[in-house]
Amino acid sequence: MKIVYTPKAQADLDGIVDYYKPLNPDALAKIYVEVTGAIALIAQFPRAGRQQKPKKVRKVVVRKYKYLIYYACDEDKRQISILTIRYSARRRPYSDR
């Protein structure tokens, strides 16, 4: 399935880069690989994420670095929209069912 980033999700990913780049570029590289790797797995297994409220939203956890990836799948368009990428300690935009 095709992956599409919403402007919010792209801003979240850019924010991760902007935060870690001056602090620890090596950590940034590892985090980026884990997050984008999780997104690649979503493309292969779109129903793997835990269903959220609202019903069309799902969540995948990047356990090693505690990031949450929220996404919606449109099977008719064969497209997955990455909605937001959040650090787990921050307020969550969606709740578990």
PDB file of N, CA and C in Angstrom:
ATOM      1  N   MET A   1       0.827  -1.177   0.000  1.00  0.00           N
ATOM      2  CA  MET A   1       0.000   0.000   0.000  1.00  0.00           C
ATOM      3  C   MET A   1       0.879   1.251   0.000  1.00  0.00           C
ATOM      4  N   LYS A   2       0.340   2.297  -0.554  1.00  0.00           N
ATOM      5  CA  LYS A   2       1.054   3.566  -0.632  1.00  0.00           C
ATOM      6  C   LYS A   2       0.948   4.305   0.711  1.00  0.00           C
ATOM      7  N   ILE A   3       2.059   4.885   1.131  1.00  0.00           N
ATOM      8  CA  ILE A   3       2.103   5.663   2.371  1.00  0.00           C
ATOM      9  C   ILE A   3       2.045   7.147   2.022  1.00  0.00           C
ATOM     10  N   VAL A   4       1.151   7.868   2.696  1.00  0.00           N
ATOM     11  CA  VAL A   4       1.021   9.318   2.533  1.00  0.00           C
ATOM     12  C   VAL A   4       1.105   9.942   3.924  1.00  0.00           C
ATOM     13  N   TYR A   5       1.908  10.985   4.045  1.00  0.00           N
ATOM     14  CA  TYR A   5       2.035  11.702   5.313  1.00  0.00           C
ATOM     15  C   TYR A   5       1.122  12.921   5.285  1.00  0.00           C
ATOM     16  N   THR A   6       0.329  13.101   6.332  1.00  0.00           N
ATOM     17  CA  THR A   6      -0.424  14.343   6.471  1.00  0.00           C
ATOM     18  C   THR A   6       0.574  15.442   6.806  1.00  0.00           C
ATOM     19  N   PRO A   7       0.200  16.701   6.609  1.00  0.00           N
ATOM     20  CA  PRO A   7       1.115  17.788   7.006  1.00  0.00           C
ATOM     21  C   PRO A   7       1.512  17.695   8.487  1.00  0.00           C
ATOM     22  N   LYS A   8       0.578  17.278   9.343  1.00  0.00           N
ATOM     23  CA  LYS A   8       0.871  17.127  10.780  1.00  0.00           C
ATOM     24  C   LYS A   8       1.938  16.056  11.007  1.00  0.00           C
ATOM     25  N   ALA A   9       1.780  14.920  10.343  1.00  0.00           N
ATOM     26  CA  ALA A   9       2.754  13.827  10.509  1.00  0.00           C
ATOM     27  C   ALA A   9       4.125  14.231   9.985  1.00  0.00           C
ATOM     28  N   GLN A  10       4.160  14.935   8.858  1.00  0.00           N
ATOM     29  CA  GLN A  10       5.441  15.394   8.320  1.00  0.00           C
ATOM     30  C   GLN A  10       6.096  16.385   9.270  1.00  0.00           C
ATOM     31  N   ALA A  11       5.283  17.262   9.856  1.00  0.00           N
ATOM     32  CA  ALA A  11       5.815  18.214  10.844  1.00  0.00           C
ATOM     33  C   ALA A  11       6.334  17.481  12.084  1.00  0.00           C
ATOM     34  N   ASP A  12       5.640  16.421  12.494  1.00  0.00           N
ATOM     35  CA  ASP A  12       6.094  15.627  13.640  1.00  0.00           C
ATOM     36  C   ASP A  12       7.453  14.987  13.350  1.00  0.00           C
ATOM     37  N   LEU A  13       7.589  14.406  12.163  1.00  0.00           N
ATOM     38  CA  LEU A  13       8.848  13.768  11.780  1.00  0.00           C
ATOM     39  C   LEU A  13       9.961  14.812  11.679  1.00  0.00           C
ATOM     40  N   ASP A  14       9.646  15.962  11.092  1.00  0.00           N
ATOM     41  CA  ASP A  14      10.636  17.050  11.018  1.00  0.00           C
ATOM     42  C   ASP A  14      11.019  17.536  12.414  1.00  0.00           C
ATOM     43  N   GLY A  15      10.044  17.553  13.330  1.00  0.00           N
ATOM     44  CA  GLY A  15      10.316  17.971  14.701  1.00  0.00           C
ATOM     45  C   GLY A  15      11.266  17.021  15.422  1.00  0.00           C
ATOM     46  N   ILE A  16      11.118  15.735  15.158  1.00  0.00           N
ATOM     47  CA  ILE A  16      12.034  14.737  15.743  1.00  0.00           C
ATOM     48  C   ILE A  16      13.449  15.006  15.244  1.00  0.00           C
ATOM     49  N   VAL A  17      13.574  15.230  13.941  1.00  0.00           N
ATOM     50  CA  VAL A  17      14.886  15.516  13.343  1.00  0.00           C
ATOM     51  C   VAL A  17      15.465  16.799  13.942  1.00  0.00           C
ATOM     52  N   ASP A  18      14.662  17.851  14.001  1.00  0.00           N
ATOM     53  CA  ASP A  18      15.141  19.139  14.521  1.00  0.00           C
ATOM     54  C   ASP A  18      15.573  19.050  15.984  1.00  0.00           C
ATOM     55  N   TYR A  19      14.881  18.222  16.763  1.00  0.00           N
ATOM     56  CA  TYR A  19      15.205  18.099  18.186  1.00  0.00           C
ATOM     57  C   TYR A  19      16.516  17.339  18.397  1.00  0.00           C
ATOM     58  N   TYR A  20      16.656  16.180  17.728  1.00  0.00           N
ATOM     59  CA  TYR A  20      17.810  15.323  18.004  1.00  0.00           C
ATOM     60  C   TYR A  20      19.070  15.678  17.230  1.00  0.00           C
ATOM     61  N   LYS A  21      18.931  16.329  16.088  1.00  0.00           N
ATOM     62  CA  LYS A  21      20.101  16.602  15.247  1.00  0.00           C
ATOM     63  C   LYS A  21      21.199  17.354  15.984  1.00  0.00           C
ATOM     64  N   PRO A  22      20.896  18.459  16.685  1.00  0.00           N
ATOM     65  CA  PRO A  22      21.991  19.143  17.401  1.00  0.00           C
ATOM     66  C   PRO A  22      22.424  18.424  18.680  1.00  0.00           C
ATOM     67  N   LEU A  23      21.530  17.654  19.273  1.00  0.00           N
ATOM     68  CA  LEU A  23      21.852  16.988  20.537  1.00  0.00           C
ATOM     69  C   LEU A  23      22.670  15.717  20.342  1.00  0.00           C
ATOM     70  N   ASN A  24      22.201  14.881  19.402  1.00  0.00           N
ATOM     71  CA  ASN A  24      22.829  13.573  19.237  1.00  0.00           C
ATOM     72  C   ASN A  24      22.497  13.008  17.853  1.00  0.00           C
ATOM     73  N   PRO A  25      23.300  13.334  16.845  1.00  0.00           N
ATOM     74  CA  PRO A  25      23.020  12.860  15.489  1.00  0.00           C
ATOM     75  C   PRO A  25      22.974  11.335  15.366  1.00  0.00           C
ATOM     76  N   ASP A  26      23.783  10.637  16.172  1.00  0.00           N
ATOM     77  CA  ASP A  26      23.773   9.171  16.119  1.00  0.00           C
ATOM     78  C   ASP A  26      22.440   8.625  16.616  1.00  0.00           C
ATOM     79  N   ALA A  27      21.922   9.212  17.686  1.00  0.00           N
ATOM     80  CA  ALA A  27      20.614   8.797  18.200  1.00  0.00           C
ATOM     81  C   ALA A  27      19.533   9.109  17.186  1.00  0.00           C
ATOM     82  N   LEU A  28      19.634  10.265  16.545  1.00  0.00           N
ATOM     83  CA  LEU A  28      18.660  10.640  15.521  1.00  0.00           C
ATOM     84  C   LEU A  28      18.605   9.587  14.426  1.00  0.00           C
ATOM     85  N   ALA A  29      19.746   9.145  13.962  1.00  0.00           N
ATOM     86  CA  ALA A  29      19.780   8.143  12.898  1.00  0.00           C
ATOM     87  C   ALA A  29      19.082   6.855  13.333  1.00  0.00           C
ATOM     88  N   LYS A  30      19.321   6.436  14.552  1.00  0.00           N
ATOM     89  CA  LYS A  30      18.697   5.211  15.055  1.00  0.00           C
ATOM     90  C   LYS A  30      17.184   5.373  15.205  1.00  0.00           C
ATOM     91  N   ILE A  31      16.765   6.497  15.753  1.00  0.00           N
ATOM     92  CA  ILE A  31      15.333   6.755  15.932  1.00  0.00           C
ATOM     93  C   ILE A  31      14.646   6.829  14.580  1.00  0.00           C
ATOM     94  N   TYR A  32      15.243   7.538  13.639  1.00  0.00           N
ATOM     95  CA  TYR A  32      14.663   7.698  12.304  1.00  0.00           C
ATOM     96  C   TYR A  32      14.494   6.351  11.615  1.00  0.00           C
ATOM     97  N   VAL A  33      15.498   5.502  11.731  1.00  0.00           N
ATOM     98  CA  VAL A  33      15.420   4.163  11.130  1.00  0.00           C
ATOM     99  C   VAL A  33      14.294   3.348  11.760  1.00  0.00           C
ATOM    100  N   GLU A  34      14.155   3.409  13.071  1.00  0.00           N
ATOM    101  CA  GLU A  34      13.098   2.657  13.757  1.00  0.00           C
ATOM    102  C   GLU A  34      11.707   3.162  13.381  1.00  0.00           C
ATOM    103  N   VAL A  35      11.534   4.469  13.359  1.00  0.00           N
ATOM    104  CA  VAL A  35      10.216   5.042  13.043  1.00  0.00           C
ATOM    105  C   VAL A  35       9.846   4.754  11.592  1.00  0.00           C
ATOM    106  N   THR A  36      10.752   5.013  10.662  1.00  0.00           N
ATOM    107  CA  THR A  36      10.439   4.767   9.255  1.00  0.00           C
ATOM    108  C   THR A  36      10.321   3.276   8.966  1.00  0.00           C
ATOM    109  N   GLY A  37      11.042   2.461   9.709  1.00  0.00           N
ATOM    110  CA  GLY A  37      10.898   1.008   9.567  1.00  0.00           C
ATOM    111  C   GLY A  37       9.525   0.533  10.011  1.00  0.00           C
ATOM    112  N   ALA A  38       9.020   1.111  11.095  1.00  0.00           N
ATOM    113  CA  ALA A  38       7.677   0.774  11.572  1.00  0.00           C
ATOM    114  C   ALA A  38       6.632   1.198  10.540  1.00  0.00           C
ATOM    115  N   ILE A  39       6.850   2.336   9.901  1.00  0.00           N
ATOM    116  CA  ILE A  39       5.920   2.804   8.872  1.00  0.00           C
ATOM    117  C   ILE A  39       5.955   1.878   7.659  1.00  0.00           C
ATOM    118  N   ALA A  40       7.126   1.387   7.314  1.00  0.00           N
ATOM    119  CA  ALA A  40       7.228   0.426   6.205  1.00  0.00           C
ATOM    120  C   ALA A  40       6.473  -0.861   6.532  1.00  0.00           C
ATOM    121  N   LEU A  41       6.521  -1.293   7.783  1.00  0.00           N
ATOM    122  CA  LEU A  41       5.763  -2.486   8.186  1.00  0.00           C
ATOM    123  C   LEU A  41       4.261  -2.239   8.130  1.00  0.00           C
ATOM    124  N   ILE A  42       3.841  -1.016   8.452  1.00  0.00           N
ATOM    125  CA  ILE A  42       2.426  -0.676   8.344  1.00  0.00           C
ATOM    126  C   ILE A  42       1.965  -0.846   6.898  1.00  0.00           C
ATOM    127  N   ALA A  43       2.819  -0.469   5.953  1.00  0.00           N
ATOM    128  CA  ALA A  43       2.469  -0.610   4.534  1.00  0.00           C
ATOM    129  C   ALA A  43       2.246  -2.078   4.167  1.00  0.00           C
ATOM    130  N   GLN A  44       3.007  -2.975   4.772  1.00  0.00           N
ATOM    131  CA  GLN A  44       2.867  -4.407   4.499  1.00  0.00           C
ATOM    132  C   GLN A  44       1.717  -5.031   5.274  1.00  0.00           C
ATOM    133  N   PHE A  45       1.507  -4.566   6.496  1.00  0.00           N
ATOM    134  CA  PHE A  45       0.491  -5.145   7.379  1.00  0.00           C
ATOM    135  C   PHE A  45      -0.385  -4.025   7.954  1.00  0.00           C
ATOM    136  N   PRO A  46      -1.275  -3.461   7.144  1.00  0.00           N
ATOM    137  CA  PRO A  46      -2.032  -2.283   7.576  1.00  0.00           C
ATOM    138  C   PRO A  46      -2.976  -2.509   8.757  1.00  0.00           C
ATOM    139  N   ARG A  47      -3.357  -3.724   9.024  1.00  0.00           N
ATOM    140  CA  ARG A  47      -4.252  -3.990  10.155  1.00  0.00           C
ATOM    141  C   ARG A  47      -3.508  -4.401  11.419  1.00  0.00           C
ATOM    142  N   ALA A  48      -2.213  -4.292  11.400  1.00  0.00           N
ATOM    143  CA  ALA A  48      -1.409  -4.714  12.550  1.00  0.00           C
ATOM    144  C   ALA A  48      -1.563  -3.770  13.744  1.00  0.00           C
ATOM    145  N   GLY A  49      -1.865  -2.526  13.472  1.00  0.00           N
ATOM    146  CA  GLY A  49      -1.966  -1.552  14.549  1.00  0.00           C
ATOM    147  C   GLY A  49      -3.225  -1.730  15.376  1.00  0.00           C
ATOM    148  N   ARG A  50      -3.164  -1.250  16.596  1.00  0.00           N
ATOM    149  CA  ARG A  50      -4.307  -1.330  17.513  1.00  0.00           C
ATOM    150  C   ARG A  50      -5.356  -0.291  17.125  1.00  0.00           C
ATOM    151  N   GLN A  51      -6.592  -0.722  17.024  1.00  0.00           N
ATOM    152  CA  GLN A  51      -7.680   0.170  16.640  1.00  0.00           C
ATOM    153  C   GLN A  51      -7.924   1.218  17.721  1.00  0.00           C
ATOM    154  N   GLN A  52      -8.210   2.441  17.272  1.00  0.00           N
ATOM    155  CA  GLN A  52      -8.414   3.578  18.167  1.00  0.00           C
ATOM    156  C   GLN A  52      -9.836   4.105  18.011  1.00  0.00           C
ATOM    157  N   LYS A  53     -10.151   5.111  18.816  1.00  0.00           N
ATOM    158  CA  LYS A  53     -11.361   5.890  18.603  1.00  0.00           C
ATOM    159  C   LYS A  53     -10.901   7.158  17.910  1.00  0.00           C
ATOM    160  N   PRO A  54     -11.380   7.501  16.748  1.00  0.00           N
ATOM    161  CA  PRO A  54     -12.421   6.905  15.931  1.00  0.00           C
ATOM    162  C   PRO A  54     -11.983   5.595  15.284  1.00  0.00           C
ATOM    163  N   LYS A  55     -12.961   4.878  14.813  1.00  0.00           N
ATOM    164  CA  LYS A  55     -12.780   3.506  14.367  1.00  0.00           C
ATOM    165  C   LYS A  55     -11.757   3.330  13.235  1.00  0.00           C
ATOM    166  N   LYS A  56     -11.612   4.288  12.366  1.00  0.00           N
ATOM    167  CA  LYS A  56     -10.712   4.128  11.216  1.00  0.00           C
ATOM    168  C   LYS A  56      -9.244   4.376  11.545  1.00  0.00           C
ATOM    169  N   VAL A  57      -8.963   4.833  12.735  1.00  0.00           N
ATOM    170  CA  VAL A  57      -7.588   5.158  13.128  1.00  0.00           C
ATOM    171  C   VAL A  57      -6.973   3.965  13.853  1.00  0.00           C
ATOM    172  N   ARG A  58      -5.701   3.715  13.543  1.00  0.00           N
ATOM    173  CA  ARG A  58      -4.939   2.648  14.208  1.00  0.00           C
ATOM    174  C   ARG A  58      -3.640   3.227  14.742  1.00  0.00           C
ATOM    175  N   LYS A  59      -3.033   2.487  15.677  1.00  0.00           N
ATOM    176  CA  LYS A  59      -1.797   2.946  16.323  1.00  0.00           C
ATOM    177  C   LYS A  59      -0.775   1.825  16.343  1.00  0.00           C
ATOM    178  N   VAL A  60       0.456   2.173  16.007  1.00  0.00           N
ATOM    179  CA  VAL A  60       1.593   1.260  16.144  1.00  0.00           C
ATOM    180  C   VAL A  60       2.580   1.918  17.096  1.00  0.00           C
ATOM    181  N   VAL A  61       3.167   1.117  17.969  1.00  0.00           N
ATOM    182  CA  VAL A  61       4.129   1.621  18.957  1.00  0.00           C
ATOM    183  C   VAL A  61       5.542   1.247  18.519  1.00  0.00           C
ATOM    184  N   VAL A  62       6.418   2.235  18.488  1.00  0.00           N
ATOM    185  CA  VAL A  62       7.843   1.999  18.272  1.00  0.00           C
ATOM    186  C   VAL A  62       8.423   1.861  19.672  1.00  0.00           C
ATOM    187  N   ARG A  63       8.438   0.652  20.176  1.00  0.00           N
ATOM    188  CA  ARG A  63       8.748   0.393  21.589  1.00  0.00           C
ATOM    189  C   ARG A  63      10.128   0.874  22.022  1.00  0.00           C
ATOM    190  N   LYS A  64      11.119   0.663  21.187  1.00  0.00           N
ATOM    191  CA  LYS A  64      12.484   0.994  21.581  1.00  0.00           C
ATOM    192  C   LYS A  64      12.640   2.479  21.935  1.00  0.00           C
ATOM    193  N   TYR A  65      11.938   3.346  21.198  1.00  0.00           N
ATOM    194  CA  TYR A  65      12.079   4.786  21.425  1.00  0.00           C
ATOM    195  C   TYR A  65      10.783   5.449  21.883  1.00  0.00           C
ATOM    196  N   LYS A  66       9.769   4.666  22.151  1.00  0.00           N
ATOM    197  CA  LYS A  66       8.506   5.118  22.746  1.00  0.00           C
ATOM    198  C   LYS A  66       7.759   6.148  21.896  1.00  0.00           C
ATOM    199  N   TYR A  67       7.750   5.932  20.587  1.00  0.00           N
ATOM    200  CA  TYR A  67       6.951   6.773  19.704  1.00  0.00           C
ATOM    201  C   TYR A  67       5.691   6.026  19.297  1.00  0.00           C
ATOM    202  N   LEU A  68       4.619   6.780  19.106  1.00  0.00           N
ATOM    203  CA  LEU A  68       3.337   6.234  18.682  1.00  0.00           C
ATOM    204  C   LEU A  68       3.050   6.766  17.288  1.00  0.00           C
ATOM    205  N   ILE A  69       2.716   5.877  16.379  1.00  0.00           N
ATOM    206  CA  ILE A  69       2.390   6.264  15.015  1.00  0.00           C
ATOM    207  C   ILE A  69       0.908   6.000  14.811  1.00  0.00           C
ATOM    208  N   TYR A  70       0.157   7.066  14.549  1.00  0.00           N
ATOM    209  CA  TYR A  70      -1.277   6.952  14.295  1.00  0.00           C
ATOM    210  C   TYR A  70      -1.498   7.035  12.793  1.00  0.00           C
ATOM    211  N   TYR A  71      -2.333   6.151  12.281  1.00  0.00           N
ATOM    212  CA  TYR A  71      -2.562   6.115  10.839  1.00  0.00           C
ATOM    213  C   TYR A  71      -3.980   5.658  10.524  1.00  0.00           C
ATOM    214  N   ALA A  72      -4.384   5.936   9.292  1.00  0.00           N
ATOM    215  CA  ALA A  72      -5.688   5.494   8.791  1.00  0.00           C
ATOM    216  C   ALA A  72      -5.457   4.794   7.458  1.00  0.00           C
ATOM    217  N   CYS A  73      -6.197   3.737   7.240  1.00  0.00           N
ATOM    218  CA  CYS A  73      -6.042   2.930   6.036  1.00  0.00           C
ATOM    219  C   CYS A  73      -7.289   3.070   5.161  1.00  0.00           C
ATOM    220  N   ASP A  74      -7.080   3.377   3.897  1.00  0.00           N
ATOM    221  CA  ASP A  74      -8.168   3.413   2.915  1.00  0.00           C
ATOM    222  C   ASP A  74      -7.895   2.288   1.921  1.00  0.00           C
ATOM    223  N   GLU A  75      -8.548   1.162   2.154  1.00  0.00           N
ATOM    224  CA  GLU A  75      -8.283  -0.016   1.322  1.00  0.00           C
ATOM    225  C   GLU A  75      -8.756   0.169  -0.111  1.00  0.00           C
ATOM    226  N   ASP A  76      -9.797   0.970  -0.332  1.00  0.00           N
ATOM    227  CA  ASP A  76     -10.266   1.222  -1.696  1.00  0.00           C
ATOM    228  C   ASP A  76      -9.198   1.948  -2.517  1.00  0.00           C
ATOM    229  N   LYS A  77      -8.545   2.909  -1.914  1.00  0.00           N
ATOM    230  CA  LYS A  77      -7.477   3.662  -2.588  1.00  0.00           C
ATOM    231  C   LYS A  77      -6.119   2.976  -2.474  1.00  0.00           C
ATOM    232  N   ARG A  78      -6.069   1.917  -1.645  1.00  0.00           N
ATOM    233  CA  ARG A  78      -4.810   1.227  -1.341  1.00  0.00           C
ATOM    234  C   ARG A  78      -3.775   2.239  -0.825  1.00  0.00           C
ATOM    235  N   GLN A  79      -4.230   3.005   0.160  1.00  0.00           N
ATOM    236  CA  GLN A  79      -3.416   4.090   0.703  1.00  0.00           C
ATOM    237  C   GLN A  79      -3.494   4.120   2.219  1.00  0.00           C
ATOM    238  N   ILE A  80      -2.359   4.372   2.830  1.00  0.00           N
ATOM    239  CA  ILE A  80      -2.275   4.542   4.278  1.00  0.00           C
ATOM    240  C   ILE A  80      -1.838   5.971   4.549  1.00  0.00           C
ATOM    241  N   SER A  81      -2.625   6.663   5.353  1.00  0.00           N
ATOM    242  CA  SER A  81      -2.295   8.039   5.732  1.00  0.00           C
ATOM    243  C   SER A  81      -1.705   8.038   7.133  1.00  0.00           C
ATOM    244  N   ILE A  82      -0.455   8.477   7.239  1.00  0.00           N
ATOM    245  CA  ILE A  82       0.164   8.643   8.551  1.00  0.00           C
ATOM    246  C   ILE A  82      -0.372   9.960   9.100  1.00  0.00           C
ATOM    247  N   LEU A  83      -1.097   9.879  10.210  1.00  0.00           N
ATOM    248  CA  LEU A  83      -1.787  11.039  10.763  1.00  0.00           C
ATOM    249  C   LEU A  83      -0.900  11.867  11.679  1.00  0.00           C
ATOM    250  N   THR A  84      -0.194  11.191  12.575  1.00  0.00           N
ATOM    251  CA  THR A  84       0.677  11.888  13.520  1.00  0.00           C
ATOM    252  C   THR A  84       1.676  10.897  14.117  1.00  0.00           C
ATOM    253  N   ILE A  85       2.805  11.414  14.557  1.00  0.00           N
ATOM    254  CA  ILE A  85       3.837  10.627  15.227  1.00  0.00           C
ATOM    255  C   ILE A  85       4.113  11.343  16.543  1.00  0.00           C
ATOM    256  N   ARG A  86       3.816  10.675  17.641  1.00  0.00           N
ATOM    257  CA  ARG A  86       3.888  11.317  18.956  1.00  0.00           C
ATOM    258  C   ARG A  86       4.811  10.548  19.892  1.00  0.00           C
ATOM    259  N   TYR A  87       5.508  11.281  20.744  1.00  0.00           N
ATOM    260  CA  TYR A  87       6.247  10.645  21.825  1.00  0.00           C
ATOM    261  C   TYR A  87       5.221  10.171  22.847  1.00  0.00           C
ATOM    262  N   SER A  88       5.394   8.999  23.386  1.00  0.00           N
ATOM    263  CA  SER A  88       4.361   8.383  24.227  1.00  0.00           C
ATOM    264  C   SER A  88       4.046   9.156  25.505  1.00  0.00           C
ATOM    265  N   ALA A  89       4.972   9.982  25.989  1.00  0.00           N
ATOM    266  CA  ALA A  89       4.715  10.742  27.215  1.00  0.00           C
ATOM    267  C   ALA A  89       3.845  11.976  26.961  1.00  0.00           C
ATOM    268  N   ARG A  90       3.681  12.340  25.700  1.00  0.00           N
ATOM    269  CA  ARG A  90       2.863  13.509  25.368  1.00  0.00           C
ATOM    270  C   ARG A  90       1.387  13.123  25.309  1.00  0.00           C
ATOM    271  N   ARG A  91       0.530  14.138  25.382  1.00  0.00           N
ATOM    272  CA  ARG A  91      -0.911  13.910  25.294  1.00  0.00           C
ATOM    273  C   ARG A  91      -1.244  13.209  23.980  1.00  0.00           C
ATOM    274  N   ARG A  92      -2.104  12.214  24.039  1.00  0.00           N
ATOM    275  CA  ARG A  92      -2.414  11.404  22.868  1.00  0.00           C
ATOM    276  C   ARG A  92      -3.672  11.950  22.162  1.00  0.00           C
ATOM    277  N   PRO A  93      -3.599  12.055  20.839  1.00  0.00           N
ATOM    278  CA  PRO A  93      -4.723  12.621  20.106  1.00  0.00           C
ATOM    279  C   PRO A  93      -5.900  11.649  19.948  1.00  0.00           C
ATOM    280  N   TYR A  94      -5.653  10.355  20.126  1.00  0.00           N
ATOM    281  CA  TYR A  94      -6.689   9.333  19.989  1.00  0.00           C
ATOM    282  C   TYR A  94      -6.599   8.410  21.193  1.00  0.00           C
ATOM    283  N   SER A  95      -7.676   7.702  21.472  1.00  0.00           N
ATOM    284  CA  SER A  95      -7.646   6.772  22.610  1.00  0.00           C
ATOM    285  C   SER A  95      -7.913   5.356  22.126  1.00  0.00           C
ATOM    286  N   ASP A  96      -7.405   4.407  22.888  1.00  0.00           N
ATOM    287  CA  ASP A  96      -7.625   2.996  22.577  1.00  0.00           C
ATOM    288  C   ASP A  96      -9.101   2.657  22.724  1.00  0.00           C
ATOM    289  N   ARG A  97      -9.527   1.733  21.963  1.00  0.00           N
ATOM    290  CA  ARG A  97     -10.932   1.301  22.025  1.00  0.00           C
ATOM    291  C   ARG A  97     -11.189   0.567  23.305  1.00  0.00           C
TER     292      ARG A  97
END
